[in-house]
Amino acid sequence: MIRAVIDPGVLIAALITPEGLPSQIIRAWKRGVFELVVSPMLLDELTETLLRPKFRRWASENDVVVFVEMLRLSAVMADDPSEVEQLSRDPKDDYLIALARGALAHVLVSSDGDLTSIVGNEPPVVTPRLFLATVEPG
C-alpha cells in the first residue's frame, strides 16, 4: 500500500475546499486507498495555520480541532525528524522531506513550488493531481 506524507498546505485546502482535489485525496485515504503519515510537527503547523483568523470564513475553530484530531487518531503517527537536511529553496519545508524519508513514505504530496521543483528527490514530491491519478486511476 502506498504510504504518503501530505503537505499541510494540501491538508488546509482539503478542509476549506470540500469539492477540490485535496478533499478527494482525504476521502481516498478514509476509504483505505493509501496510508497517510503525519507527525506532531506537521499537525502543529496545520493547527496553527488553520486557527488564524483569516480561515474563519471557511472553518470554525471547532471544525479545525475535529479535523486535526481525526488526522491524529486515524493517520500513521511518525516521530518528528531529528535531523533535517536543507534540500528546498524554503528551509521551513525541509522537515517534510525528512519526515517522508524517516517514515519510509513512498511519496510527498505538495502544491508548494519550493518542494515540487526538487528533481530526483526520494521519495518523489508530487502534486495532488498526480497523486490522485496514481492512487485512483481512471
N, C-alpha and C. Protein backbone atom coordinates (compact mmCIF):
# COMPACT_ATOMS: atom_id res chain seq x y z
N MET A 1 0.84 -1.19 0.00
CA MET A 1 0.00 0.00 0.00
C MET A 1 0.88 1.25 0.00
N ILE A 2 0.48 2.24 -0.75
CA ILE A 2 1.23 3.49 -0.82
C ILE A 2 1.13 4.21 0.51
N ARG A 3 2.27 4.72 0.93
CA ARG A 3 2.37 5.49 2.19
C ARG A 3 2.76 6.91 1.79
N ALA A 4 1.97 7.90 2.24
CA ALA A 4 2.18 9.28 1.79
C ALA A 4 2.22 10.26 2.95
N VAL A 5 3.11 11.24 2.83
CA VAL A 5 3.09 12.43 3.67
C VAL A 5 2.44 13.52 2.83
N ILE A 6 1.49 14.20 3.41
CA ILE A 6 0.80 15.27 2.68
C ILE A 6 1.13 16.60 3.33
N ASP A 7 1.62 17.51 2.53
CA ASP A 7 1.99 18.85 2.96
C ASP A 7 0.80 19.50 3.69
N PRO A 8 1.05 20.21 4.79
CA PRO A 8 -0.06 20.89 5.47
C PRO A 8 -0.86 21.82 4.57
N GLY A 9 -0.22 22.43 3.57
CA GLY A 9 -0.96 23.29 2.64
C GLY A 9 -2.04 22.53 1.89
N VAL A 10 -1.76 21.30 1.53
CA VAL A 10 -2.75 20.45 0.85
C VAL A 10 -3.85 20.06 1.82
N LEU A 11 -3.48 19.78 3.06
CA LEU A 11 -4.49 19.43 4.08
C LEU A 11 -5.39 20.62 4.38
N ILE A 12 -4.83 21.81 4.38
CA ILE A 12 -5.62 23.02 4.59
C ILE A 12 -6.64 23.16 3.45
N ALA A 13 -6.17 22.98 2.23
CA ALA A 13 -7.06 23.08 1.07
C ALA A 13 -8.17 22.03 1.15
N ALA A 14 -7.84 20.85 1.68
CA ALA A 14 -8.85 19.79 1.81
C ALA A 14 -9.97 20.22 2.74
N LEU A 15 -9.62 20.91 3.83
CA LEU A 15 -10.64 21.34 4.78
C LEU A 15 -11.47 22.50 4.26
N ILE A 16 -10.83 23.47 3.62
CA ILE A 16 -11.56 24.68 3.25
C ILE A 16 -12.21 24.62 1.87
N THR A 17 -11.86 23.61 1.07
CA THR A 17 -12.46 23.46 -0.26
C THR A 17 -12.95 22.03 -0.43
N PRO A 18 -14.15 21.74 0.08
CA PRO A 18 -14.65 20.36 0.09
C PRO A 18 -14.77 19.70 -1.28
N GLU A 19 -14.86 20.48 -2.36
CA GLU A 19 -15.01 19.87 -3.68
C GLU A 19 -13.69 19.75 -4.43
N GLY A 20 -12.59 20.18 -3.87
CA GLY A 20 -11.31 20.20 -4.57
C GLY A 20 -10.57 18.88 -4.54
N LEU A 21 -9.48 18.83 -5.29
CA LEU A 21 -8.63 17.63 -5.35
C LEU A 21 -8.10 17.22 -3.98
N PRO A 22 -7.63 18.18 -3.15
CA PRO A 22 -7.16 17.77 -1.83
C PRO A 22 -8.24 17.05 -1.00
N SER A 23 -9.47 17.49 -1.11
CA SER A 23 -10.56 16.81 -0.39
C SER A 23 -10.78 15.40 -0.94
N GLN A 24 -10.62 15.24 -2.25
CA GLN A 24 -10.73 13.91 -2.84
C GLN A 24 -9.63 12.99 -2.32
N ILE A 25 -8.45 13.56 -2.09
CA ILE A 25 -7.35 12.77 -1.53
C ILE A 25 -7.70 12.31 -0.12
N ILE A 26 -8.25 13.18 0.68
CA ILE A 26 -8.64 12.81 2.05
C ILE A 26 -9.73 11.74 2.02
N ARG A 27 -10.68 11.87 1.12
CA ARG A 27 -11.72 10.85 1.02
C ARG A 27 -11.13 9.50 0.60
N ALA A 28 -10.16 9.51 -0.31
CA ALA A 28 -9.49 8.27 -0.73
C ALA A 28 -8.76 7.65 0.47
N TRP A 29 -8.10 8.46 1.26
CA TRP A 29 -7.41 7.97 2.46
C TRP A 29 -8.42 7.34 3.44
N LYS A 30 -9.53 8.00 3.65
CA LYS A 30 -10.55 7.47 4.57
C LYS A 30 -11.10 6.12 4.08
N ARG A 31 -11.09 5.91 2.76
CA ARG A 31 -11.54 4.63 2.20
C ARG A 31 -10.44 3.57 2.25
N GLY A 32 -9.26 3.94 2.73
CA GLY A 32 -8.18 2.97 2.84
C GLY A 32 -7.36 2.77 1.58
N VAL A 33 -7.41 3.73 0.66
CA VAL A 33 -6.69 3.62 -0.61
C VAL A 33 -5.18 3.77 -0.40
N PHE A 34 -4.77 4.53 0.61
CA PHE A 34 -3.36 4.72 0.92
C PHE A 34 -3.22 5.03 2.41
N GLU A 35 -2.00 4.92 2.92
CA GLU A 35 -1.70 5.28 4.31
C GLU A 35 -1.22 6.72 4.36
N LEU A 36 -1.81 7.51 5.23
CA LEU A 36 -1.40 8.89 5.45
C LEU A 36 -0.49 8.92 6.67
N VAL A 37 0.67 9.56 6.52
CA VAL A 37 1.63 9.69 7.61
C VAL A 37 1.64 11.14 8.08
N VAL A 38 1.53 11.33 9.39
CA VAL A 38 1.62 12.65 9.99
C VAL A 38 2.65 12.60 11.12
N SER A 39 2.98 13.75 11.65
CA SER A 39 3.88 13.83 12.80
C SER A 39 3.38 14.97 13.69
N PRO A 40 3.85 15.03 14.93
CA PRO A 40 3.44 16.15 15.79
C PRO A 40 3.74 17.51 15.17
N MET A 41 4.91 17.67 14.55
CA MET A 41 5.27 18.95 13.95
C MET A 41 4.33 19.31 12.81
N LEU A 42 3.99 18.36 11.97
CA LEU A 42 3.08 18.59 10.86
C LEU A 42 1.70 18.99 11.39
N LEU A 43 1.21 18.27 12.40
CA LEU A 43 -0.11 18.59 12.96
C LEU A 43 -0.11 19.94 13.67
N ASP A 44 1.00 20.29 14.32
CA ASP A 44 1.10 21.60 14.96
C ASP A 44 1.06 22.71 13.93
N GLU A 45 1.81 22.54 12.83
CA GLU A 45 1.80 23.55 11.76
C GLU A 45 0.39 23.69 11.18
N LEU A 46 -0.25 22.57 10.95
CA LEU A 46 -1.61 22.58 10.40
C LEU A 46 -2.57 23.31 11.33
N THR A 47 -2.52 22.99 12.61
CA THR A 47 -3.41 23.61 13.59
C THR A 47 -3.15 25.11 13.68
N GLU A 48 -1.89 25.47 13.84
CA GLU A 48 -1.53 26.88 13.99
C GLU A 48 -2.01 27.70 12.79
N THR A 49 -1.82 27.16 11.60
CA THR A 49 -2.22 27.88 10.40
C THR A 49 -3.74 27.99 10.29
N LEU A 50 -4.43 26.87 10.50
CA LEU A 50 -5.89 26.89 10.35
C LEU A 50 -6.60 27.71 11.42
N LEU A 51 -5.96 27.93 12.55
CA LEU A 51 -6.59 28.73 13.61
C LEU A 51 -6.40 30.23 13.41
N ARG A 52 -5.70 30.62 12.36
CA ARG A 52 -5.56 32.04 12.06
C ARG A 52 -6.93 32.61 11.70
N PRO A 53 -7.17 33.85 12.09
CA PRO A 53 -8.49 34.46 11.82
C PRO A 53 -8.91 34.44 10.36
N LYS A 54 -7.95 34.51 9.43
CA LYS A 54 -8.32 34.57 8.01
C LYS A 54 -9.02 33.31 7.53
N PHE A 55 -8.91 32.19 8.27
CA PHE A 55 -9.56 30.94 7.87
C PHE A 55 -10.95 30.78 8.48
N ARG A 56 -11.40 31.70 9.34
CA ARG A 56 -12.71 31.56 10.00
C ARG A 56 -13.86 31.52 9.00
N ARG A 57 -13.71 32.17 7.86
CA ARG A 57 -14.83 32.15 6.90
C ARG A 57 -15.04 30.78 6.27
N TRP A 58 -14.02 29.90 6.35
CA TRP A 58 -14.14 28.56 5.78
C TRP A 58 -14.29 27.47 6.83
N ALA A 59 -13.71 27.70 8.01
CA ALA A 59 -13.71 26.65 9.03
C ALA A 59 -13.72 27.28 10.42
N SER A 60 -14.65 26.84 11.24
CA SER A 60 -14.71 27.31 12.62
C SER A 60 -13.56 26.69 13.42
N GLU A 61 -13.30 27.22 14.58
CA GLU A 61 -12.26 26.64 15.44
C GLU A 61 -12.60 25.18 15.74
N ASN A 62 -13.88 24.90 15.95
CA ASN A 62 -14.29 23.52 16.21
C ASN A 62 -14.02 22.62 15.00
N ASP A 63 -14.29 23.12 13.79
CA ASP A 63 -14.01 22.35 12.58
C ASP A 63 -12.52 21.99 12.52
N VAL A 64 -11.68 22.95 12.87
CA VAL A 64 -10.23 22.74 12.84
C VAL A 64 -9.83 21.66 13.85
N VAL A 65 -10.33 21.79 15.07
CA VAL A 65 -10.00 20.82 16.13
C VAL A 65 -10.44 19.42 15.72
N VAL A 66 -11.65 19.30 15.20
CA VAL A 66 -12.17 17.99 14.79
C VAL A 66 -11.33 17.41 13.65
N PHE A 67 -10.98 18.23 12.66
CA PHE A 67 -10.20 17.77 11.51
C PHE A 67 -8.81 17.29 11.95
N VAL A 68 -8.13 18.09 12.75
CA VAL A 68 -6.78 17.74 13.18
C VAL A 68 -6.82 16.50 14.08
N GLU A 69 -7.81 16.41 14.94
CA GLU A 69 -7.91 15.25 15.83
C GLU A 69 -8.19 13.98 15.02
N MET A 70 -9.00 14.08 13.98
CA MET A 70 -9.26 12.94 13.10
C MET A 70 -7.95 12.46 12.48
N LEU A 71 -7.11 13.39 12.03
CA LEU A 71 -5.82 13.03 11.47
C LEU A 71 -4.93 12.40 12.54
N ARG A 72 -4.91 12.99 13.72
CA ARG A 72 -4.06 12.50 14.80
C ARG A 72 -4.43 11.06 15.18
N LEU A 73 -5.72 10.75 15.20
CA LEU A 73 -6.17 9.44 15.64
C LEU A 73 -6.17 8.39 14.54
N SER A 74 -6.33 8.80 13.28
CA SER A 74 -6.53 7.83 12.21
C SER A 74 -5.33 7.64 11.28
N ALA A 75 -4.47 8.63 11.19
CA ALA A 75 -3.29 8.52 10.32
C ALA A 75 -2.18 7.77 11.05
N VAL A 76 -1.18 7.39 10.30
CA VAL A 76 0.01 6.78 10.89
C VAL A 76 0.83 7.91 11.52
N MET A 77 1.08 7.81 12.82
CA MET A 77 1.84 8.85 13.52
C MET A 77 3.32 8.48 13.51
N ALA A 78 4.12 9.34 12.92
CA ALA A 78 5.57 9.15 12.88
C ALA A 78 6.22 10.17 13.81
N ASP A 79 7.43 9.87 14.23
CA ASP A 79 8.19 10.83 15.02
C ASP A 79 8.63 11.99 14.14
N ASP A 80 8.75 13.16 14.76
CA ASP A 80 9.32 14.28 14.04
C ASP A 80 10.76 13.95 13.68
N PRO A 81 11.22 14.41 12.52
CA PRO A 81 12.61 14.12 12.16
C PRO A 81 13.59 14.79 13.11
N SER A 82 14.63 14.07 13.49
CA SER A 82 15.63 14.64 14.40
C SER A 82 16.67 15.44 13.63
N GLU A 83 16.93 15.06 12.40
CA GLU A 83 17.87 15.79 11.56
C GLU A 83 17.18 16.18 10.27
N VAL A 84 17.37 17.43 9.89
CA VAL A 84 16.72 17.95 8.68
C VAL A 84 17.79 18.56 7.78
N GLU A 85 17.96 17.96 6.63
CA GLU A 85 18.92 18.42 5.63
C GLU A 85 18.26 19.50 4.78
N GLN A 86 18.99 20.56 4.44
CA GLN A 86 18.42 21.60 3.59
C GLN A 86 18.45 21.14 2.14
N LEU A 87 17.26 20.97 1.57
CA LEU A 87 17.13 20.49 0.20
C LEU A 87 16.28 21.40 -0.67
N SER A 88 15.40 22.17 -0.06
CA SER A 88 14.49 23.00 -0.85
C SER A 88 14.89 24.47 -0.76
N ARG A 89 14.24 25.29 -1.57
CA ARG A 89 14.50 26.74 -1.53
C ARG A 89 14.00 27.36 -0.24
N ASP A 90 13.03 26.70 0.43
CA ASP A 90 12.48 27.21 1.68
C ASP A 90 12.82 26.22 2.80
N PRO A 91 13.78 26.57 3.64
CA PRO A 91 14.21 25.64 4.69
C PRO A 91 13.07 25.18 5.62
N LYS A 92 12.00 25.96 5.72
CA LYS A 92 10.86 25.55 6.56
C LYS A 92 10.16 24.32 6.00
N ASP A 93 10.35 24.03 4.73
CA ASP A 93 9.71 22.87 4.10
C ASP A 93 10.54 21.59 4.23
N ASP A 94 11.78 21.73 4.58
CA ASP A 94 12.68 20.57 4.57
C ASP A 94 12.29 19.48 5.55
N TYR A 95 11.60 19.86 6.65
CA TYR A 95 11.19 18.82 7.60
C TYR A 95 10.22 17.84 6.96
N LEU A 96 9.47 18.28 5.97
CA LEU A 96 8.52 17.38 5.30
C LEU A 96 9.26 16.29 4.53
N ILE A 97 10.35 16.67 3.88
CA ILE A 97 11.17 15.68 3.17
C ILE A 97 11.78 14.71 4.17
N ALA A 98 12.32 15.25 5.25
CA ALA A 98 12.92 14.40 6.29
C ALA A 98 11.87 13.48 6.91
N LEU A 99 10.68 13.99 7.12
CA LEU A 99 9.59 13.16 7.67
C LEU A 99 9.25 12.04 6.69
N ALA A 100 9.09 12.37 5.43
CA ALA A 100 8.75 11.35 4.42
C ALA A 100 9.83 10.28 4.36
N ARG A 101 11.08 10.69 4.41
CA ARG A 101 12.18 9.72 4.38
C ARG A 101 12.19 8.86 5.63
N GLY A 102 12.07 9.49 6.79
CA GLY A 102 12.12 8.77 8.05
C GLY A 102 10.96 7.81 8.23
N ALA A 103 9.81 8.16 7.69
CA ALA A 103 8.61 7.32 7.81
C ALA A 103 8.52 6.29 6.69
N LEU A 104 9.53 6.26 5.83
CA LEU A 104 9.55 5.35 4.68
C LEU A 104 8.33 5.53 3.79
N ALA A 105 7.94 6.80 3.61
CA ALA A 105 6.82 7.12 2.72
C ALA A 105 7.26 6.90 1.28
N HIS A 106 6.31 6.56 0.46
CA HIS A 106 6.57 6.38 -0.97
C HIS A 106 6.54 7.71 -1.72
N VAL A 107 5.87 8.71 -1.12
CA VAL A 107 5.64 9.96 -1.83
C VAL A 107 5.36 11.08 -0.82
N LEU A 108 5.73 12.29 -1.22
CA LEU A 108 5.37 13.51 -0.51
C LEU A 108 4.46 14.29 -1.45
N VAL A 109 3.26 14.60 -1.00
CA VAL A 109 2.26 15.29 -1.82
C VAL A 109 2.27 16.77 -1.44
N SER A 110 2.50 17.64 -2.43
CA SER A 110 2.57 19.07 -2.16
C SER A 110 2.20 19.87 -3.39
N SER A 111 1.67 21.06 -3.14
CA SER A 111 1.43 22.04 -4.21
C SER A 111 2.47 23.15 -4.15
N ASP A 112 3.38 23.08 -3.20
CA ASP A 112 4.38 24.10 -2.96
C ASP A 112 5.51 23.98 -3.98
N GLY A 113 5.69 25.02 -4.78
CA GLY A 113 6.72 25.02 -5.81
C GLY A 113 8.12 24.82 -5.27
N ASP A 114 8.36 25.22 -4.02
CA ASP A 114 9.67 25.01 -3.42
C ASP A 114 9.96 23.52 -3.25
N LEU A 115 8.92 22.72 -3.09
CA LEU A 115 9.08 21.27 -2.96
C LEU A 115 8.95 20.56 -4.30
N THR A 116 7.95 20.93 -5.08
CA THR A 116 7.73 20.22 -6.34
C THR A 116 8.84 20.47 -7.36
N SER A 117 9.62 21.53 -7.15
CA SER A 117 10.71 21.82 -8.09
C SER A 117 11.96 20.99 -7.83
N ILE A 118 11.99 20.25 -6.73
CA ILE A 118 13.16 19.43 -6.41
C ILE A 118 13.18 18.22 -7.34
N VAL A 119 14.26 18.08 -8.08
CA VAL A 119 14.40 16.99 -9.04
C VAL A 119 15.16 15.84 -8.39
N GLY A 120 14.67 14.63 -8.58
CA GLY A 120 15.37 13.45 -8.11
C GLY A 120 15.25 13.18 -6.62
N ASN A 121 14.30 13.83 -5.96
CA ASN A 121 14.14 13.59 -4.53
C ASN A 121 13.59 12.19 -4.28
N GLU A 122 14.04 11.59 -3.22
CA GLU A 122 13.49 10.31 -2.76
C GLU A 122 13.01 10.50 -1.35
N PRO A 123 11.73 10.30 -1.09
CA PRO A 123 10.70 9.94 -2.07
C PRO A 123 10.36 11.13 -2.96
N PRO A 124 9.75 10.86 -4.10
CA PRO A 124 9.40 11.95 -5.00
C PRO A 124 8.34 12.87 -4.40
N VAL A 125 8.40 14.13 -4.81
CA VAL A 125 7.38 15.11 -4.43
C VAL A 125 6.44 15.25 -5.62
N VAL A 126 5.16 14.99 -5.40
CA VAL A 126 4.19 15.05 -6.49
C VAL A 126 3.05 15.98 -6.12
N THR A 127 2.39 16.49 -7.15
CA THR A 127 1.25 17.37 -6.94
C THR A 127 0.03 16.55 -6.52
N PRO A 128 -0.95 17.21 -5.90
CA PRO A 128 -2.19 16.49 -5.55
C PRO A 128 -2.83 15.82 -6.77
N ARG A 129 -2.83 16.49 -7.91
CA ARG A 129 -3.45 15.92 -9.12
C ARG A 129 -2.75 14.62 -9.53
N LEU A 130 -1.43 14.64 -9.57
CA LEU A 130 -0.68 13.44 -9.94
C LEU A 130 -0.88 12.32 -8.92
N PHE A 131 -0.86 12.68 -7.65
CA PHE A 131 -1.06 11.67 -6.60
C PHE A 131 -2.44 11.03 -6.72
N LEU A 132 -3.46 11.84 -6.90
CA LEU A 132 -4.82 11.30 -7.01
C LEU A 132 -4.94 10.40 -8.24
N ALA A 133 -4.32 10.80 -9.34
CA ALA A 133 -4.35 9.97 -10.54
C ALA A 133 -3.62 8.65 -10.32
N THR A 134 -2.63 8.66 -9.45
CA THR A 134 -1.88 7.44 -9.15
C THR A 134 -2.67 6.49 -8.26
N VAL A 135 -3.30 7.02 -7.22
CA VAL A 135 -3.99 6.14 -6.27
C VAL A 135 -5.41 5.81 -6.71
N GLU A 136 -6.00 6.63 -7.56
CA GLU A 136 -7.34 6.37 -8.07
C GLU A 136 -7.38 6.57 -9.58
N PRO A 137 -6.69 5.72 -10.32
CA PRO A 137 -6.66 5.89 -11.77
C PRO A 137 -8.05 5.74 -12.40
N GLY A 138 -8.23 6.46 -13.47
CA GLY A 138 -9.50 6.35 -14.20
C GLY A 138 -10.40 7.38 -13.80
